[in-house]
Amino acid sequence: MNAGQSPLEWAARRQKKARKGVRRKVLAWVGLNAEAARADRLAVRAAHGAVGEQWTAALLARLPAGWRVWHGLRIPGFRHDLDHVLVSPCGTAVVVLDSKRWHAGWRTRLVDGRVWCGEEDRHEKVEAVGKYAARLHKALALPGVVVWPLLVVHGSPIEGGRLEVRVPAWSGTVHVLGPDWLVPTLATAPKVLDPARAAAVAARVAQVLVPAGG
């Protein structure tokens, strides 16, 4: 995926490229264009994931006043998009939040320190969130401000409602949450409001990060 492309845009371009020219279009139509078939599968996965991001955005809209929320940002020079970034009303925390939509018939659980969904090892998805947090912490360079990595999983029920996971890229904990746990977990941020500090942190986020599609 090229910098500045959302997963949906990238998948759509793959589909278009795979069908470029009459011959490729005909082969795709009769089911003999393997590249087009792969591109179509990628597009389905991208659309599937986009729904999860929309569901998370709807949950974040319930946060009380004072929270600052962005959707679809990226760090220049970093190839991965950040689904959601938040600044707490107290100005002491920046949340990097990733959304996933996993199989509703499979339970997500922790096995020997690794996250599994059903019989599939999904731990690399959690490790990725730790990498996002580390990269964001370095890019923001805000002393006294904590970066808080969260992953919310839609569909698949999480054992116990939430998991606390350690990954090599991050010195703290990555929190893997079911949707019902997202807003209550964010609500545990310090209750003391500091609008000036929160505004300064938000300004730094806006200065460092850019829209994922721009």
C-alpha atoms as a PDB file:
ATOM      1  CA  MET A   1       0.000   0.000   0.000  1.00  0.00           C
ATOM      2  CA  ASN A   2       1.382   3.415  -0.960  1.00  0.00           C
ATOM      3  CA  ALA A   3       1.505   6.255   1.555  1.00  0.00           C
ATOM      4  CA  GLY A   4      -1.685   8.316   1.405  1.00  0.00           C
ATOM      5  CA  GLN A   5      -3.934   5.464   0.283  1.00  0.00           C
ATOM      6  CA  SER A   6      -6.704   4.121   2.459  1.00  0.00           C
ATOM      7  CA  PRO A   7      -7.202   0.319   2.398  1.00  0.00           C
ATOM      8  CA  LEU A   8     -10.382   0.775   0.343  1.00  0.00           C
ATOM      9  CA  GLU A   9      -8.635   3.008  -2.199  1.00  0.00           C
ATOM     10  CA  TRP A  10      -5.700   0.634  -2.444  1.00  0.00           C
ATOM     11  CA  ALA A  11      -7.988  -2.366  -2.986  1.00  0.00           C
ATOM     12  CA  ALA A  12     -10.010  -0.500  -5.614  1.00  0.00           C
ATOM     13  CA  ARG A  13      -6.860   0.373  -7.529  1.00  0.00           C
ATOM     14  CA  ARG A  14      -5.732  -3.238  -7.394  1.00  0.00           C
ATOM     15  CA  GLN A  15      -9.084  -4.295  -8.856  1.00  0.00           C
ATOM     16  CA  LYS A  16      -8.860  -1.711 -11.629  1.00  0.00           C
ATOM     17  CA  LYS A  17      -5.281  -2.671 -12.500  1.00  0.00           C
ATOM     18  CA  ALA A  18      -6.147  -6.375 -12.610  1.00  0.00           C
ATOM     19  CA  ARG A  19      -8.865  -5.669 -15.216  1.00  0.00           C
ATOM     20  CA  LYS A  20      -6.912  -3.233 -17.381  1.00  0.00           C
ATOM     21  CA  GLY A  21      -7.439  -4.083 -21.031  1.00  0.00           C
ATOM     22  CA  VAL A  22     -10.124  -6.082 -22.819  1.00  0.00           C
ATOM     23  CA  ARG A  23      -8.393  -9.440 -22.414  1.00  0.00           C
ATOM     24  CA  ARG A  24      -8.061  -9.118 -18.630  1.00  0.00           C
ATOM     25  CA  LYS A  25     -11.666  -7.972 -18.324  1.00  0.00           C
ATOM     26  CA  VAL A  26     -12.916 -10.977 -20.275  1.00  0.00           C
ATOM     27  CA  LEU A  27     -10.753 -13.393 -18.291  1.00  0.00           C
ATOM     28  CA  ALA A  28     -12.018 -11.863 -15.046  1.00  0.00           C
ATOM     29  CA  TRP A  29     -15.608 -12.202 -16.220  1.00  0.00           C
ATOM     30  CA  VAL A  30     -15.177 -15.932 -16.950  1.00  0.00           C
ATOM     31  CA  GLY A  31     -13.240 -16.523 -13.741  1.00  0.00           C
ATOM     32  CA  LEU A  32      -9.799 -17.098 -15.299  1.00  0.00           C
ATOM     33  CA  ASN A  33      -8.025 -13.946 -14.118  1.00  0.00           C
ATOM     34  CA  ALA A  34      -6.195 -14.984 -10.946  1.00  0.00           C
ATOM     35  CA  GLU A  35      -4.927 -11.438 -10.297  1.00  0.00           C
ATOM     36  CA  ALA A  36      -8.475 -10.070 -10.437  1.00  0.00           C
ATOM     37  CA  ALA A  37      -9.688 -12.802  -8.100  1.00  0.00           C
ATOM     38  CA  ARG A  38      -7.000 -11.878  -5.560  1.00  0.00           C
ATOM     39  CA  ALA A  39      -7.845  -8.181  -5.900  1.00  0.00           C
ATOM     40  CA  ASP A  40     -11.524  -8.929  -5.336  1.00  0.00           C
ATOM     41  CA  ARG A  41     -10.743 -10.844  -2.152  1.00  0.00           C
ATOM     42  CA  LEU A  42      -8.630  -7.910  -0.917  1.00  0.00           C
ATOM     43  CA  ALA A  43     -11.497  -5.520  -1.651  1.00  0.00           C
ATOM     44  CA  VAL A  44     -13.907  -7.652   0.350  1.00  0.00           C
ATOM     45  CA  ARG A  45     -11.526  -7.700   3.324  1.00  0.00           C
ATOM     46  CA  ALA A  46     -10.977  -3.945   3.094  1.00  0.00           C
ATOM     47  CA  ALA A  47     -14.718  -3.266   3.041  1.00  0.00           C
ATOM     48  CA  HIS A  48     -15.176  -5.682   5.947  1.00  0.00           C
ATOM     49  CA  GLY A  49     -12.607  -3.791   7.999  1.00  0.00           C
ATOM     50  CA  ALA A  50     -14.065  -0.400   7.067  1.00  0.00           C
ATOM     51  CA  VAL A  51     -17.367  -1.395   8.660  1.00  0.00           C
ATOM     52  CA  GLY A  52     -15.537  -2.104  11.934  1.00  0.00           C
ATOM     53  CA  GLU A  53     -13.980   1.369  11.815  1.00  0.00           C
ATOM     54  CA  GLN A  54     -17.415   2.918  11.304  1.00  0.00           C
ATOM     55  CA  TRP A  55     -18.796   1.005  14.283  1.00  0.00           C
ATOM     56  CA  THR A  56     -15.907   2.239  16.434  1.00  0.00           C
ATOM     57  CA  ALA A  57     -16.471   5.813  15.282  1.00  0.00           C
ATOM     58  CA  ALA A  58     -20.110   5.540  16.383  1.00  0.00           C
ATOM     59  CA  LEU A  59     -18.989   4.369  19.833  1.00  0.00           C
ATOM     60  CA  LEU A  60     -16.489   7.211  20.168  1.00  0.00           C
ATOM     61  CA  ALA A  61     -19.240   9.713  19.389  1.00  0.00           C
ATOM     62  CA  ARG A  62     -20.670   8.830  22.814  1.00  0.00           C
ATOM     63  CA  LEU A  63     -17.625  10.144  24.675  1.00  0.00           C
ATOM     64  CA  PRO A  64     -18.243  13.140  26.924  1.00  0.00           C
ATOM     65  CA  ALA A  65     -17.247  16.649  25.935  1.00  0.00           C
ATOM     66  CA  GLY A  66     -13.543  17.367  26.114  1.00  0.00           C
ATOM     67  CA  TRP A  67     -12.303  14.361  24.162  1.00  0.00           C
ATOM     68  CA  ARG A  68     -10.690  15.146  20.825  1.00  0.00           C
ATOM     69  CA  VAL A  69     -11.087  12.423  18.213  1.00  0.00           C
ATOM     70  CA  TRP A  70      -9.605  11.925  14.731  1.00  0.00           C
ATOM     71  CA  HIS A  71     -10.306   9.096  12.277  1.00  0.00           C
ATOM     72  CA  GLY A  72      -7.915   7.904   9.578  1.00  0.00           C
ATOM     73  CA  LEU A  73      -4.553   9.555  10.221  1.00  0.00           C
ATOM     74  CA  ARG A  74      -1.001   8.589   9.414  1.00  0.00           C
ATOM     75  CA  ILE A  75       2.498   9.549  10.473  1.00  0.00           C
ATOM     76  CA  PRO A  76       4.496  10.849   7.482  1.00  0.00           C
ATOM     77  CA  GLY A  77       7.049   8.247   6.501  1.00  0.00           C
ATOM     78  CA  PHE A  78       5.158   5.463   8.299  1.00  0.00           C
ATOM     79  CA  ARG A  79       3.410   3.014   5.977  1.00  0.00           C
ATOM     80  CA  HIS A  80       0.521   2.086   8.292  1.00  0.00           C
ATOM     81  CA  ASP A  81      -2.598   4.160   8.878  1.00  0.00           C
ATOM     82  CA  LEU A  82      -3.900   4.907  12.369  1.00  0.00           C
ATOM     83  CA  ASP A  83      -7.635   4.127  12.465  1.00  0.00           C
ATOM     84  CA  HIS A  84      -8.442   6.475  15.362  1.00  0.00           C
ATOM     85  CA  VAL A  85      -6.422   8.895  17.501  1.00  0.00           C
ATOM     86  CA  LEU A  86      -7.776  10.554  20.656  1.00  0.00           C
ATOM     87  CA  VAL A  87      -6.581  13.148  23.148  1.00  0.00           C
ATOM     88  CA  SER A  88      -7.991  12.917  26.674  1.00  0.00           C
ATOM     89  CA  PRO A  89      -9.698  15.933  28.293  1.00  0.00           C
ATOM     90  CA  CYS A  90      -6.946  16.045  30.930  1.00  0.00           C
ATOM     91  CA  GLY A  91      -4.276  16.398  28.239  1.00  0.00           C
ATOM     92  CA  THR A  92      -2.113  13.657  29.743  1.00  0.00           C
ATOM     93  CA  ALA A  93      -2.901  10.827  27.291  1.00  0.00           C
ATOM     94  CA  VAL A  94      -3.020  10.212  23.560  1.00  0.00           C
ATOM     95  CA  VAL A  95      -4.894   7.070  22.530  1.00  0.00           C
ATOM     96  CA  VAL A  96      -3.997   5.171  19.373  1.00  0.00           C
ATOM     97  CA  LEU A  97      -6.946   2.912  18.608  1.00  0.00           C
ATOM     98  CA  ASP A  98      -7.144   0.186  15.978  1.00  0.00           C
ATOM     99  CA  SER A  99     -10.435  -1.385  14.871  1.00  0.00           C
ATOM    100  CA  LYS A 100     -10.860  -5.005  13.820  1.00  0.00           C
ATOM    101  CA  ARG A 101     -13.869  -7.016  12.726  1.00  0.00           C
ATOM    102  CA  TRP A 102     -13.313 -10.710  13.398  1.00  0.00           C
ATOM    103  CA  HIS A 103     -15.428 -13.845  12.979  1.00  0.00           C
ATOM    104  CA  ALA A 104     -18.527 -13.563  15.181  1.00  0.00           C
ATOM    105  CA  GLY A 105     -18.597 -17.329  15.720  1.00  0.00           C
ATOM    106  CA  TRP A 106     -15.063 -17.463  17.148  1.00  0.00           C
ATOM    107  CA  ARG A 107     -13.952 -16.409  20.609  1.00  0.00           C
ATOM    108  CA  THR A 108     -10.899 -14.175  21.033  1.00  0.00           C
ATOM    109  CA  ARG A 109      -8.674 -15.285  23.902  1.00  0.00           C
ATOM    110  CA  LEU A 110      -5.137 -15.203  25.260  1.00  0.00           C
ATOM    111  CA  VAL A 111      -3.133 -18.438  24.878  1.00  0.00           C
ATOM    112  CA  ASP A 112       0.392 -18.526  26.317  1.00  0.00           C
ATOM    113  CA  GLY A 113       0.642 -14.763  25.984  1.00  0.00           C
ATOM    114  CA  ARG A 114      -0.614 -14.657  22.391  1.00  0.00           C
ATOM    115  CA  VAL A 115      -3.995 -13.508  21.096  1.00  0.00           C
ATOM    116  CA  TRP A 116      -6.045 -16.082  19.208  1.00  0.00           C
ATOM    117  CA  CYS A 117      -9.388 -15.746  17.462  1.00  0.00           C
ATOM    118  CA  GLY A 118     -10.860 -19.219  17.292  1.00  0.00           C
ATOM    119  CA  GLU A 119      -8.104 -21.414  15.887  1.00  0.00           C
ATOM    120  CA  GLU A 120      -6.244 -18.530  14.230  1.00  0.00           C
ATOM    121  CA  ASP A 121      -3.270 -16.766  15.805  1.00  0.00           C
ATOM    122  CA  ARG A 122      -4.009 -13.030  15.506  1.00  0.00           C
ATOM    123  CA  HIS A 123      -1.188 -11.858  17.739  1.00  0.00           C
ATOM    124  CA  GLU A 124       0.553  -9.973  14.925  1.00  0.00           C
ATOM    125  CA  LYS A 125      -2.441  -7.601  14.840  1.00  0.00           C
ATOM    126  CA  VAL A 126      -1.863  -6.753  18.494  1.00  0.00           C
ATOM    127  CA  GLU A 127       1.879  -6.401  17.925  1.00  0.00           C
ATOM    128  CA  ALA A 128       1.117  -3.920  15.144  1.00  0.00           C
ATOM    129  CA  VAL A 129      -0.816  -1.688  17.556  1.00  0.00           C
ATOM    130  CA  GLY A 130       2.200  -1.692  19.879  1.00  0.00           C
ATOM    131  CA  LYS A 131       4.354  -0.566  16.956  1.00  0.00           C
ATOM    132  CA  TYR A 132       1.874   2.210  16.124  1.00  0.00           C
ATOM    133  CA  ALA A 133       2.028   3.421  19.743  1.00  0.00           C
ATOM    134  CA  ALA A 134       5.831   3.413  19.790  1.00  0.00           C
ATOM    135  CA  ARG A 135       6.035   5.295  16.506  1.00  0.00           C
ATOM    136  CA  LEU A 136       3.398   7.818  17.592  1.00  0.00           C
ATOM    137  CA  HIS A 137       5.113   8.412  20.947  1.00  0.00           C
ATOM    138  CA  LYS A 138       8.378   9.147  19.163  1.00  0.00           C
ATOM    139  CA  ALA A 139       6.733  11.392  16.560  1.00  0.00           C
ATOM    140  CA  LEU A 140       4.793  13.481  19.073  1.00  0.00           C
ATOM    141  CA  ALA A 141       7.743  13.884  21.477  1.00  0.00           C
ATOM    142  CA  LEU A 142       5.549  15.169  24.305  1.00  0.00           C
ATOM    143  CA  PRO A 143       7.147  14.740  27.749  1.00  0.00           C
ATOM    144  CA  GLY A 144       4.634  13.749  30.397  1.00  0.00           C
ATOM    145  CA  VAL A 145       2.044  12.572  27.877  1.00  0.00           C
ATOM    146  CA  VAL A 146       1.277   8.848  27.805  1.00  0.00           C
ATOM    147  CA  VAL A 147       0.410   7.025  24.576  1.00  0.00           C
ATOM    148  CA  TRP A 148      -2.248   4.408  25.207  1.00  0.00           C
ATOM    149  CA  PRO A 149      -2.581   1.587  22.606  1.00  0.00           C
ATOM    150  CA  LEU A 150      -6.007  -0.031  22.270  1.00  0.00           C
ATOM    151  CA  LEU A 151      -7.474  -2.554  19.854  1.00  0.00           C
ATOM    152  CA  VAL A 152     -11.257  -2.940  19.723  1.00  0.00           C
ATOM    153  CA  VAL A 153     -12.596  -6.165  18.204  1.00  0.00           C
ATOM    154  CA  HIS A 154     -16.070  -6.232  16.684  1.00  0.00           C
ATOM    155  CA  GLY A 155     -17.883  -9.496  16.047  1.00  0.00           C
ATOM    156  CA  SER A 156     -15.743 -12.010  17.899  1.00  0.00           C
ATOM    157  CA  PRO A 157     -16.558 -12.108  21.647  1.00  0.00           C
ATOM    158  CA  ILE A 158     -13.509 -11.492  23.818  1.00  0.00           C
ATOM    159  CA  GLU A 159     -12.933 -13.805  26.739  1.00  0.00           C
ATOM    160  CA  GLY A 160     -13.652 -11.766  29.856  1.00  0.00           C
ATOM    161  CA  GLY A 161     -14.531  -8.716  27.772  1.00  0.00           C
ATOM    162  CA  ARG A 162     -10.956  -7.478  27.560  1.00  0.00           C
ATOM    163  CA  LEU A 163      -7.362  -8.716  27.358  1.00  0.00           C
ATOM    164  CA  GLU A 164      -4.158  -7.049  28.513  1.00  0.00           C
ATOM    165  CA  VAL A 165      -1.306  -8.064  26.238  1.00  0.00           C
ATOM    166  CA  ARG A 166       2.448  -7.489  26.244  1.00  0.00           C
ATOM    167  CA  VAL A 167       4.278  -7.109  22.921  1.00  0.00           C
ATOM    168  CA  PRO A 168       7.972  -6.560  22.121  1.00  0.00           C
ATOM    169  CA  ALA A 169       7.555  -3.189  20.395  1.00  0.00           C
ATOM    170  CA  TRP A 170       5.850  -1.503  23.342  1.00  0.00           C
ATOM    171  CA  SER A 171       7.019  -1.224  26.935  1.00  0.00           C
ATOM    172  CA  GLY A 172       3.483  -1.038  28.320  1.00  0.00           C
ATOM    173  CA  THR A 173       0.285  -2.974  27.745  1.00  0.00           C
ATOM    174  CA  VAL A 174      -1.865  -3.211  24.629  1.00  0.00           C
ATOM    175  CA  HIS A 175      -5.522  -3.423  25.646  1.00  0.00           C
ATOM    176  CA  VAL A 176      -7.705  -5.653  23.461  1.00  0.00           C
ATOM    177  CA  LEU A 177     -11.340  -4.752  24.070  1.00  0.00           C
ATOM    178  CA  GLY A 178     -14.828  -5.781  23.114  1.00  0.00           C
ATOM    179  CA  PRO A 179     -17.021  -2.862  21.923  1.00  0.00           C
ATOM    180  CA  ASP A 180     -18.900  -2.669  25.226  1.00  0.00           C
ATOM    181  CA  TRP A 181     -15.618  -2.065  27.044  1.00  0.00           C
ATOM    182  CA  LEU A 182     -14.321   0.744  24.841  1.00  0.00           C
ATOM    183  CA  VAL A 183     -16.030   3.829  26.284  1.00  0.00           C
ATOM    184  CA  PRO A 184     -15.811   2.588  29.923  1.00  0.00           C
ATOM    185  CA  THR A 185     -12.073   1.973  29.473  1.00  0.00           C
ATOM    186  CA  LEU A 186     -11.503   5.441  28.064  1.00  0.00           C
ATOM    187  CA  ALA A 187     -13.533   6.850  30.950  1.00  0.00           C
ATOM    188  CA  THR A 188     -10.808   5.668  33.356  1.00  0.00           C
ATOM    189  CA  ALA A 189      -8.594   8.534  32.164  1.00  0.00           C
ATOM    190  CA  PRO A 190      -7.943  11.155  34.891  1.00  0.00           C
ATOM    191  CA  LYS A 191     -11.106  13.143  35.591  1.00  0.00           C
ATOM    192  CA  VAL A 192      -9.311  16.445  36.187  1.00  0.00           C
ATOM    193  CA  LEU A 193      -9.971  18.594  33.138  1.00  0.00           C
ATOM    194  CA  ASP A 194      -7.177  20.697  31.697  1.00  0.00           C
ATOM    195  CA  PRO A 195      -8.535  22.324  28.527  1.00  0.00           C
ATOM    196  CA  ALA A 196      -5.371  24.318  27.871  1.00  0.00           C
ATOM    197  CA  ARG A 197      -3.108  21.289  28.091  1.00  0.00           C
ATOM    198  CA  ALA A 198      -5.512  19.144  26.041  1.00  0.00           C
ATOM    199  CA  ALA A 199      -5.633  21.856  23.363  1.00  0.00           C
ATOM    200  CA  ALA A 200      -1.826  21.996  23.232  1.00  0.00           C
ATOM    201  CA  VAL A 201      -1.577  18.215  22.839  1.00  0.00           C
ATOM    202  CA  ALA A 202      -4.305  18.250  20.181  1.00  0.00           C
ATOM    203  CA  ALA A 203      -2.428  20.970  18.306  1.00  0.00           C
ATOM    204  CA  ARG A 204       0.692  18.802  18.351  1.00  0.00           C
ATOM    205  CA  VAL A 205      -1.271  15.842  16.978  1.00  0.00           C
ATOM    206  CA  ALA A 206      -2.678  18.022  14.197  1.00  0.00           C
ATOM    207  CA  GLN A 207       0.826  19.302  13.435  1.00  0.00           C
ATOM    208  CA  VAL A 208       2.499  15.902  13.253  1.00  0.00           C
ATOM    209  CA  LEU A 209      -0.162  13.674  11.709  1.00  0.00           C
ATOM    210  CA  VAL A 210      -1.858  13.970   8.314  1.00  0.00           C
ATOM    211  CA  PRO A 211      -5.063  12.490   6.867  1.00  0.00           C
ATOM    212  CA  ALA A 212      -4.580   8.887   5.740  1.00  0.00           C
ATOM    213  CA  GLY A 213      -5.948   9.625   2.295  1.00  0.00           C
ATOM    214  CA  GLY A 214      -4.113  12.893   1.778  1.00  0.00           C
END
